[in-house]
Amino acid sequence: MKNFALIGAAGYIAPRHMAAIKATGHRLVAALDPNDSVGIIDSHFPQANFFTEFERFDRHLDKLRRANSSECIDYVSICSPNYLHDSHIRFALRSGADAICEKPLVLNPWNIDGLKEIEQDTGRQVHTILQLRVHPAIQALREQVRQGRRDTRHEVDLSYITARGQWYGRSWKGDVKKSGGIATNIGVHFFDMLHFVFGELQENVVHLSTPYKAAGYLEYEHARVRWFLSVDVDDVPDHARERGQRTWRSITVDGTEIEFSGGFTDLHQKSYEEILAGRGFGLEENRCAISTVAAIRNAAITPQRGERHPLLVSKNLLLAGTGIPDMLPAASAQ
């Protein structure tokens, strides 16, 4: 049985990590969060030590390590705000534990280089949650692409809309310096999935970039991708909103919808199973996606390049920084 510590216990994603730790037969020894609304711990590990101050959490883990206790930490699961991931991974490795970090791993690709050096210094490893890589539908799509002609470029439309209330813009998630912006915060695992399925990224064009929605065009070895991300409920299709839906995911490949909306709830457990079996995803597997979202964050808006996502046309969205509607036609799936 392995011992886990958890940083960010009060966040949205933390319960999935707790459930995965429990489902894989291990235990949570200690948890940290400055917010003490963490009653969810009782559903999984009511005996876990809880701290609201990092210094006390650090001292507790160090005491367990130096005493060679039966509760000495093997893994630190990191569910803290995005901008703290780099620091908390470093803390985990220097504490003699492996790190399991939520997406995005870090905000910039050069942070990966620094973490690789600390891995080498400490002999510990960084594992990441790239949950779509373990989704059966995505794995099947990857195999289909790999079995196809090597000169084929598939036509892909990716839409992900997950509505958020006013709190979003007032929290750390609405601060680009802390979250990395919308493409990083809600889109990074989709960009990783595109790289995983369609190969190396060759072109990255941004058509729309605001705090609440973004869109652009990507070319991979085997795909031309038009993508759209939003936290605006008005972007959810009318027929879905009429049924009370506030989230909409859609991926079409050559005009065919890829059904991947099911199976999201247990992907963290599958990720933990792979990590504990020595088959997890490390630092380098994250590089393409992190480089992609960092480039999107810093890119100039270039409406004249690449193909536009259909929603940019149908909703007549303004191009950020230009003040003029995007009246150019969207590419239709081939």
Protein backbone atom coordinates (compact mmCIF):
# COMPACT_ATOMS: atom_id res chain seq x y z
CA MET A 1 0.00 0.00 0.00
CA LYS A 2 1.35 3.41 -1.02
CA ASN A 3 1.00 6.60 0.99
CA PHE A 4 -0.27 9.77 -0.66
CA ALA A 5 -0.37 13.44 0.24
CA LEU A 6 -2.66 15.87 -1.58
CA ILE A 7 -2.18 19.57 -2.27
CA GLY A 8 -5.36 21.42 -3.22
CA ALA A 9 -7.94 19.35 -1.36
CA ALA A 10 -10.77 21.89 -1.63
CA GLY A 11 -10.64 22.26 -5.40
CA TYR A 12 -13.01 20.97 -8.06
CA ILE A 13 -10.79 18.13 -9.24
CA ALA A 14 -9.48 16.91 -5.87
CA PRO A 15 -12.36 14.45 -5.20
CA ARG A 16 -11.43 12.53 -8.37
CA HIS A 17 -7.91 12.11 -7.04
CA MET A 18 -9.17 10.99 -3.64
CA ALA A 19 -11.49 8.49 -5.28
CA ALA A 20 -8.67 7.20 -7.49
CA ILE A 21 -6.32 6.75 -4.53
CA LYS A 22 -9.00 4.80 -2.67
CA ALA A 23 -10.08 2.73 -5.70
CA THR A 24 -6.51 1.62 -6.36
CA GLY A 25 -6.14 0.38 -2.78
CA HIS A 26 -3.91 3.07 -1.31
CA ARG A 27 -4.32 5.71 1.38
CA LEU A 28 -4.27 9.46 1.80
CA VAL A 29 -2.11 10.39 4.77
CA ALA A 30 -2.13 14.19 4.60
CA ALA A 31 -3.86 16.97 2.68
CA LEU A 32 -3.32 20.71 2.31
CA ASP A 33 -5.54 23.60 1.28
CA PRO A 34 -5.79 27.19 2.54
CA ASN A 35 -9.58 26.77 2.26
CA ASP A 36 -10.98 24.53 4.99
CA SER A 37 -14.16 23.52 3.12
CA VAL A 38 -12.89 19.98 2.69
CA GLY A 39 -15.63 17.79 4.13
CA ILE A 40 -15.32 15.65 1.01
CA ILE A 41 -12.26 14.06 2.66
CA ASP A 42 -14.61 12.24 5.05
CA SER A 43 -16.11 10.33 2.13
CA HIS A 44 -12.73 8.81 1.32
CA PHE A 45 -10.09 9.18 4.05
CA PRO A 46 -11.56 10.55 7.30
CA GLN A 47 -8.33 9.75 9.20
CA ALA A 48 -6.14 11.88 6.92
CA ASN A 49 -4.27 14.76 8.52
CA PHE A 50 -5.37 18.13 7.16
CA PHE A 51 -3.47 21.41 7.06
CA THR A 52 -4.37 24.94 5.98
CA GLU A 53 -0.78 26.22 6.27
CA PHE A 54 1.91 25.02 3.89
CA GLU A 55 4.65 25.31 6.54
CA ARG A 56 2.86 22.88 8.89
CA PHE A 57 2.16 20.50 6.01
CA ASP A 58 5.83 20.63 4.97
CA ARG A 59 6.98 19.97 8.53
CA HIS A 60 4.59 16.99 8.88
CA LEU A 61 5.78 15.33 5.67
CA ASP A 62 9.42 15.96 6.58
CA LYS A 63 8.89 14.46 10.04
CA LEU A 64 7.40 11.30 8.50
CA ARG A 65 10.34 11.05 6.09
CA ARG A 66 13.07 11.52 8.68
CA ALA A 67 11.43 9.09 11.09
CA ASN A 68 11.16 6.49 8.31
CA SER A 69 7.54 6.19 9.39
CA SER A 70 5.09 3.67 7.98
CA GLU A 71 3.24 6.76 6.75
CA CYS A 72 6.21 8.17 4.85
CA ILE A 73 4.84 9.74 1.65
CA ASP A 74 5.38 7.92 -1.65
CA TYR A 75 3.35 10.27 -3.89
CA VAL A 76 2.17 13.87 -3.67
CA SER A 77 -0.93 14.52 -5.78
CA ILE A 78 -1.11 18.14 -6.93
CA CYS A 79 -4.47 19.80 -7.55
CA SER A 80 -3.51 23.37 -6.74
CA PRO A 81 -4.01 26.43 -9.01
CA ASN A 82 -2.09 26.17 -12.27
CA TYR A 83 0.59 28.75 -11.50
CA LEU A 84 1.60 26.82 -8.35
CA HIS A 85 2.11 23.45 -10.06
CA ASP A 86 5.78 24.03 -10.81
CA SER A 87 6.57 24.96 -7.21
CA HIS A 88 4.52 22.14 -5.71
CA ILE A 89 6.10 19.54 -8.01
CA ARG A 90 9.53 20.74 -6.89
CA PHE A 91 8.40 20.45 -3.27
CA ALA A 92 7.18 16.88 -3.82
CA LEU A 93 10.43 15.72 -5.43
CA ARG A 94 12.60 17.37 -2.78
CA SER A 95 10.44 15.70 -0.12
CA GLY A 96 11.47 12.30 -1.44
CA ALA A 97 8.17 11.56 -3.19
CA ASP A 98 7.00 11.24 -6.76
CA ALA A 99 4.57 13.89 -7.99
CA ILE A 100 1.23 13.28 -9.71
CA CYS A 101 0.14 16.58 -11.22
CA GLU A 102 -3.15 17.71 -12.69
CA LYS A 103 -3.30 19.48 -16.03
CA PRO A 104 -1.76 21.79 -17.04
CA LEU A 105 1.56 20.45 -15.80
CA VAL A 106 3.13 23.94 -15.97
CA LEU A 107 2.39 27.18 -17.80
CA ASN A 108 5.49 27.36 -20.02
CA PRO A 109 7.65 24.76 -21.78
CA TRP A 110 10.89 25.96 -20.16
CA ASN A 111 9.47 24.95 -16.77
CA ILE A 112 9.63 21.35 -18.00
CA ASP A 113 13.39 21.66 -18.45
CA GLY A 114 13.83 22.80 -14.86
CA LEU A 115 11.73 19.93 -13.55
CA LYS A 116 13.77 17.41 -15.52
CA GLU A 117 16.88 18.66 -13.74
CA ILE A 118 15.24 18.19 -10.34
CA GLU A 119 14.12 14.69 -11.32
CA GLN A 120 17.75 13.87 -12.02
CA ASP A 121 18.94 15.47 -8.76
CA THR A 122 16.38 13.71 -6.55
CA GLY A 123 15.87 10.41 -8.33
CA ARG A 124 12.09 10.94 -8.09
CA GLN A 125 9.62 11.20 -10.98
CA VAL A 126 6.88 13.51 -12.21
CA HIS A 127 3.69 11.82 -13.43
CA THR A 128 0.88 13.70 -15.14
CA ILE A 129 -2.84 13.35 -15.63
CA LEU A 130 -3.37 13.25 -19.41
CA GLN A 131 -6.76 11.64 -19.04
CA LEU A 132 -7.86 11.61 -22.67
CA ARG A 133 -4.90 9.40 -23.56
CA VAL A 134 -6.51 6.59 -21.57
CA HIS A 135 -10.01 7.12 -22.98
CA PRO A 136 -10.99 4.06 -25.08
CA ALA A 137 -12.56 6.15 -27.87
CA ILE A 138 -9.43 8.32 -28.21
CA GLN A 139 -7.16 5.29 -28.16
CA ALA A 140 -9.26 3.71 -30.91
CA LEU A 141 -9.10 6.90 -32.98
CA ARG A 142 -5.32 7.03 -32.59
CA GLU A 143 -4.99 3.46 -33.78
CA GLN A 144 -7.24 4.20 -36.76
CA VAL A 145 -5.04 7.14 -37.74
CA ARG A 146 -1.87 5.10 -37.28
CA GLN A 147 -3.23 2.37 -39.53
CA GLY A 148 -4.16 4.84 -42.28
CA ARG A 149 -2.08 6.28 -45.07
CA ARG A 150 0.85 8.31 -43.80
CA ASP A 151 0.12 11.19 -46.19
CA THR A 152 -3.50 11.63 -45.01
CA ARG A 153 -4.56 14.83 -43.26
CA HIS A 154 -7.89 14.50 -41.55
CA GLU A 155 -10.35 17.41 -41.23
CA VAL A 156 -11.14 18.00 -37.56
CA ASP A 157 -13.51 20.36 -35.75
CA LEU A 158 -13.14 20.56 -31.97
CA SER A 159 -15.66 22.39 -29.79
CA TYR A 160 -15.58 22.50 -26.00
CA ILE A 161 -17.98 24.76 -24.11
CA THR A 162 -18.23 24.47 -20.36
CA ALA A 163 -20.31 27.29 -18.88
CA ARG A 164 -19.06 29.14 -15.82
CA GLY A 165 -20.69 31.79 -13.66
CA GLN A 166 -19.41 35.22 -12.64
CA TRP A 167 -17.14 33.67 -10.04
CA TYR A 168 -14.87 32.34 -12.80
CA GLY A 169 -13.60 35.75 -13.86
CA ARG A 170 -13.09 36.85 -10.26
CA SER A 171 -11.14 33.77 -9.22
CA TRP A 172 -7.57 32.79 -10.07
CA LYS A 173 -8.97 31.05 -13.15
CA GLY A 174 -9.82 34.41 -14.67
CA ASP A 175 -6.28 35.73 -14.14
CA VAL A 176 -4.15 34.80 -17.15
CA LYS A 177 -0.98 35.04 -15.07
CA LYS A 178 -2.31 32.37 -12.72
CA SER A 179 -4.39 30.12 -14.97
CA GLY A 180 -2.59 30.67 -18.27
CA GLY A 181 -5.83 31.77 -19.92
CA ILE A 182 -8.76 29.80 -21.23
CA ALA A 183 -6.82 27.68 -23.73
CA THR A 184 -4.51 26.53 -20.93
CA ASN A 185 -7.11 26.14 -18.22
CA ILE A 186 -9.85 24.22 -20.04
CA GLY A 187 -8.20 23.26 -23.32
CA VAL A 188 -4.76 21.85 -22.60
CA HIS A 189 -5.86 18.20 -22.37
CA PHE A 190 -7.65 18.52 -25.72
CA PHE A 191 -4.51 19.91 -27.34
CA ASP A 192 -2.58 17.02 -25.84
CA MET A 193 -5.14 14.62 -27.27
CA LEU A 194 -4.77 16.15 -30.74
CA HIS A 195 -1.00 15.70 -30.60
CA PHE A 196 -1.41 12.15 -29.23
CA VAL A 197 -3.72 11.17 -32.10
CA PHE A 198 -2.48 13.21 -35.06
CA GLY A 199 1.26 13.64 -34.51
CA GLU A 200 3.58 16.61 -34.30
CA LEU A 201 2.23 20.17 -34.42
CA GLN A 202 3.25 22.10 -37.54
CA GLU A 203 1.20 25.31 -37.46
CA ASN A 204 -0.61 27.25 -34.73
CA VAL A 205 -2.88 30.19 -35.63
CA VAL A 206 -5.12 32.14 -33.23
CA HIS A 207 -8.35 33.74 -34.52
CA LEU A 208 -10.05 34.72 -31.25
CA SER A 209 -8.68 35.31 -27.76
CA THR A 210 -10.71 36.74 -24.89
CA PRO A 211 -10.92 35.87 -21.19
CA TYR A 212 -14.03 33.75 -21.86
CA LYS A 213 -13.53 32.19 -25.28
CA ALA A 214 -10.81 31.43 -27.78
CA ALA A 215 -10.52 29.84 -31.20
CA GLY A 216 -7.94 29.04 -33.83
CA TYR A 217 -6.46 26.70 -36.37
CA LEU A 218 -3.84 23.98 -35.89
CA GLU A 219 -2.06 21.75 -38.37
CA TYR A 220 -0.61 18.44 -37.26
CA GLU A 221 1.15 15.77 -39.28
CA HIS A 222 -2.16 14.07 -39.95
CA ALA A 223 -4.87 16.66 -39.28
CA ARG A 224 -6.12 20.16 -39.98
CA VAL A 225 -7.95 21.31 -36.86
CA ARG A 226 -10.39 24.14 -36.25
CA TRP A 227 -10.92 24.60 -32.49
CA PHE A 228 -13.25 26.64 -30.30
CA LEU A 229 -13.26 26.90 -26.49
CA SER A 230 -15.69 28.85 -24.32
CA VAL A 231 -17.03 29.27 -20.78
CA ASP A 232 -19.99 31.34 -22.05
CA VAL A 233 -23.31 29.51 -21.65
CA ASP A 234 -24.66 31.31 -24.73
CA ASP A 235 -22.26 29.28 -26.85
CA VAL A 236 -23.90 26.00 -25.83
CA PRO A 237 -26.14 24.92 -28.76
CA ASP A 238 -29.79 25.90 -28.31
CA HIS A 239 -31.07 22.32 -28.36
CA ALA A 240 -28.68 21.40 -25.54
CA ARG A 241 -29.48 24.47 -23.45
CA GLU A 242 -33.19 23.70 -23.75
CA ARG A 243 -32.44 20.40 -22.00
CA GLY A 244 -30.57 22.24 -19.24
CA GLN A 245 -27.09 21.36 -20.45
CA ARG A 246 -24.27 23.76 -19.61
CA THR A 247 -21.48 21.74 -21.19
CA TRP A 248 -20.96 20.79 -24.84
CA ARG A 249 -18.16 18.66 -26.25
CA SER A 250 -17.82 17.80 -29.89
CA ILE A 251 -15.07 16.36 -32.04
CA THR A 252 -15.72 15.56 -35.68
CA VAL A 253 -13.13 13.83 -37.85
CA ASP A 254 -13.83 13.99 -41.59
CA GLY A 255 -17.43 14.87 -40.77
CA THR A 256 -18.00 11.96 -38.36
CA GLU A 257 -18.70 12.68 -34.71
CA ILE A 258 -16.34 10.93 -32.29
CA GLU A 259 -18.35 9.83 -29.27
CA PHE A 260 -16.13 10.46 -26.27
CA SER A 261 -18.44 12.24 -23.81
CA GLY A 262 -19.03 9.04 -21.84
CA GLY A 263 -16.42 7.54 -19.56
CA PHE A 264 -15.01 10.81 -18.22
CA THR A 265 -15.68 10.04 -14.57
CA ASP A 266 -13.29 7.10 -14.19
CA LEU A 267 -10.38 8.41 -16.27
CA HIS A 268 -8.49 9.55 -13.18
CA GLN A 269 -8.70 6.05 -11.74
CA LYS A 270 -7.35 4.64 -15.01
CA SER A 271 -4.58 7.25 -14.95
CA TYR A 272 -3.60 6.26 -11.40
CA GLU A 273 -3.64 2.58 -12.33
CA GLU A 274 -1.24 3.28 -15.18
CA ILE A 275 1.06 5.41 -13.00
CA LEU A 276 1.20 2.80 -10.24
CA ALA A 277 1.94 0.12 -12.83
CA GLY A 278 4.88 2.13 -14.17
CA ARG A 279 3.11 3.15 -17.38
CA GLY A 280 2.29 6.76 -16.59
CA PHE A 281 3.02 9.86 -18.66
CA GLY A 282 6.07 11.88 -17.72
CA LEU A 283 7.42 15.34 -18.41
CA GLU A 284 8.24 15.01 -22.09
CA GLU A 285 4.77 13.75 -22.98
CA ASN A 286 3.50 17.17 -21.90
CA ARG A 287 5.86 19.31 -23.95
CA CYS A 288 3.82 19.63 -27.15
CA ALA A 289 0.58 20.60 -25.38
CA ILE A 290 2.31 23.05 -23.03
CA SER A 291 4.17 24.63 -25.96
CA THR A 292 0.87 24.85 -27.87
CA VAL A 293 -1.06 26.69 -25.15
CA ALA A 294 1.88 28.97 -24.32
CA ALA A 295 2.06 29.98 -28.00
CA ILE A 296 -1.71 30.58 -28.08
CA ARG A 297 -1.44 32.78 -24.98
CA ASN A 298 1.25 34.95 -26.52
CA ALA A 299 0.18 34.89 -30.17
CA ALA A 300 -0.99 37.81 -32.24
CA ILE A 301 -4.50 37.49 -33.65
CA THR A 302 -4.16 36.60 -37.33
CA PRO A 303 -7.62 36.38 -38.95
CA GLN A 304 -6.21 36.13 -42.45
CA ARG A 305 -4.46 32.80 -41.78
CA GLY A 306 -5.89 29.32 -41.40
CA GLU A 307 -9.45 28.06 -41.48
CA ARG A 308 -12.08 29.39 -39.07
CA HIS A 309 -14.17 27.28 -36.74
CA PRO A 310 -17.84 27.28 -37.84
CA LEU A 311 -18.95 28.93 -34.58
CA LEU A 312 -16.88 32.02 -35.36
CA VAL A 313 -19.09 32.55 -38.39
CA SER A 314 -22.47 31.36 -37.14
CA LYS A 315 -22.23 33.54 -34.02
CA ASN A 316 -20.57 36.44 -35.85
CA LEU A 317 -17.98 36.71 -33.10
CA LEU A 318 -15.62 39.66 -33.02
CA LEU A 319 -11.97 39.03 -33.55
CA ALA A 320 -10.14 40.18 -30.44
CA GLY A 321 -7.98 43.19 -31.11
CA THR A 322 -9.57 44.05 -34.47
CA GLY A 323 -13.06 45.20 -33.56
CA ILE A 324 -14.46 43.81 -36.80
CA PRO A 325 -16.71 40.79 -37.26
CA ASP A 326 -15.24 37.65 -38.73
CA MET A 327 -17.20 37.43 -41.98
CA LEU A 328 -14.90 34.91 -43.61
CA PRO A 329 -16.42 31.52 -44.38
CA ALA A 330 -15.76 28.56 -42.13
CA ALA A 331 -14.22 25.47 -43.61
CA SER A 332 -16.64 22.60 -44.00
CA ALA A 333 -15.59 19.12 -43.00
CA GLN A 334 -14.43 17.03 -45.90
